[in-house]
Protein backbone atom coordinates (compact mmCIF):
# COMPACT_ATOMS: atom_id res chain seq x y z
CA GLY A 1 86.83 111.36 100.06
CA HIS A 2 85.11 111.09 103.47
CA ARG A 3 81.93 109.92 101.79
CA ARG A 4 83.59 107.17 99.81
CA LYS A 5 81.41 106.05 96.92
CA ASN A 6 84.52 105.19 94.95
CA TRP A 7 88.16 106.05 95.21
CA LYS A 8 89.42 109.10 93.30
CA VAL A 9 93.03 110.02 92.78
CA ARG A 10 93.88 113.40 94.20
CA LYS A 11 97.01 115.49 94.64
CA PHE A 12 97.49 116.66 98.25
CA VAL A 13 99.41 119.70 99.52
CA LEU A 14 100.01 119.94 103.25
CA ARG A 15 100.24 123.48 104.64
CA GLU A 16 101.30 124.50 108.10
CA ASP A 17 100.11 128.12 108.17
CA PRO A 18 97.19 127.82 108.06
CA ALA A 19 97.00 124.10 109.01
CA TYR A 20 95.19 122.66 106.02
CA LEU A 21 95.49 119.64 103.66
CA HIS A 22 94.36 120.99 100.28
CA TYR A 23 93.45 118.55 97.51
CA TYR A 24 93.50 119.04 93.82
CA ASP A 25 92.63 117.26 90.63
CA PRO A 26 95.88 115.51 89.49
CA ALA A 27 95.15 116.42 85.90
CA GLY A 28 95.83 120.08 86.72
CA GLY A 29 94.13 123.13 87.88
CA GLU A 30 95.32 125.93 90.17
CA GLU A 31 92.28 125.94 92.45
CA PRO A 32 91.90 123.21 95.12
CA LEU A 33 88.86 121.00 95.02
CA GLY A 34 88.66 121.22 98.70
CA ALA A 35 90.52 121.40 102.00
CA ILE A 36 90.72 119.59 105.30
CA HIS A 37 91.28 121.79 108.32
CA LEU A 38 93.86 120.03 110.46
CA ARG A 39 94.05 122.09 113.64
CA GLY A 40 93.09 119.73 116.47
CA CYS A 41 92.45 116.77 114.20
CA VAL A 42 93.19 113.13 114.91
CA VAL A 43 94.91 111.02 112.27
CA THR A 44 95.32 107.27 112.57
CA ALA A 45 96.17 104.22 110.42
CA VAL A 46 93.16 102.16 109.40
CA GLU A 47 93.72 98.47 109.34
CA ASP A 48 90.26 97.32 108.26
CA MET A 49 87.10 98.92 106.90
CA PRO A 50 83.96 96.82 107.14
CA ASP A 51 82.59 97.74 103.70
CA SER A 52 85.88 97.89 101.81
CA LYS A 53 86.93 95.48 99.09
CA LYS A 54 90.21 93.59 99.33
CA TYR A 55 92.09 95.96 97.03
CA ASP A 56 91.08 98.94 99.19
CA VAL A 57 92.96 97.72 102.23
CA ASP A 58 96.56 96.36 102.02
CA ASN A 59 97.57 98.37 105.19
CA ILE A 60 97.71 101.65 103.34
CA LEU A 61 94.56 103.40 104.56
CA PHE A 62 94.49 106.24 107.07
CA GLU A 63 91.78 108.36 108.59
CA ILE A 64 91.63 112.03 109.47
CA ILE A 65 88.98 113.09 111.99
CA THR A 66 88.63 116.89 112.11
CA ALA A 67 87.81 118.90 115.20
CA ASN A 68 84.25 119.12 113.76
CA GLU A 69 84.18 115.29 113.71
CA ILE A 70 84.22 114.92 109.92
CA HIS A 71 85.87 111.67 108.90
CA TYR A 72 88.11 111.47 105.81
CA TYR A 73 89.60 108.21 104.63
CA LEU A 74 92.67 108.32 102.45
CA GLN A 75 94.71 105.65 100.76
CA ALA A 76 98.46 106.11 100.39
CA ALA A 77 100.59 104.56 97.65
CA SER A 78 102.54 102.36 100.18
CA SER A 79 102.71 101.64 103.91
CA THR A 80 105.88 103.71 104.16
CA GLU A 81 104.14 106.68 102.50
CA ARG A 82 101.14 106.21 104.86
CA THR A 83 103.43 106.45 107.87
CA GLU A 84 105.10 109.61 106.48
CA TRP A 85 101.72 111.24 105.82
CA ILE A 86 100.43 110.38 109.35
CA LYS A 87 103.55 111.84 111.02
CA ALA A 88 103.49 114.99 108.88
CA ILE A 89 99.78 115.61 109.48
CA GLN A 90 100.12 114.96 113.24
CA ALA A 91 102.90 117.55 113.39
CA VAL A 92 100.89 120.18 111.55
CA ALA A 93 97.75 119.42 113.65
CA ARG A 94 99.80 120.18 116.79
CA THR A 95 101.82 123.19 115.66
CA GLY A 96 99.88 124.65 112.73
CA LYS A 97 97.84 127.81 112.95
């Protein structure tokens, strides 16, 4: 989450209409735990976080900054997956409603 006290595993669903990234408890549940509004957001790869531990980094972090300037830090499973998420989120941020 954007106020990282510790990392939590979440299932993410990217939607274009409306442009949201919903997140769910991976153990199940139909209702999302929350959502990130992507319209007008900025998403970038994060190479280093000053307060992170070594196992947090490994070139798989990325950041979403919403139009309201809320920062979310997410960790992908791999650098390839990180790149795919960034491209998909950037596309939705530009074209989503």
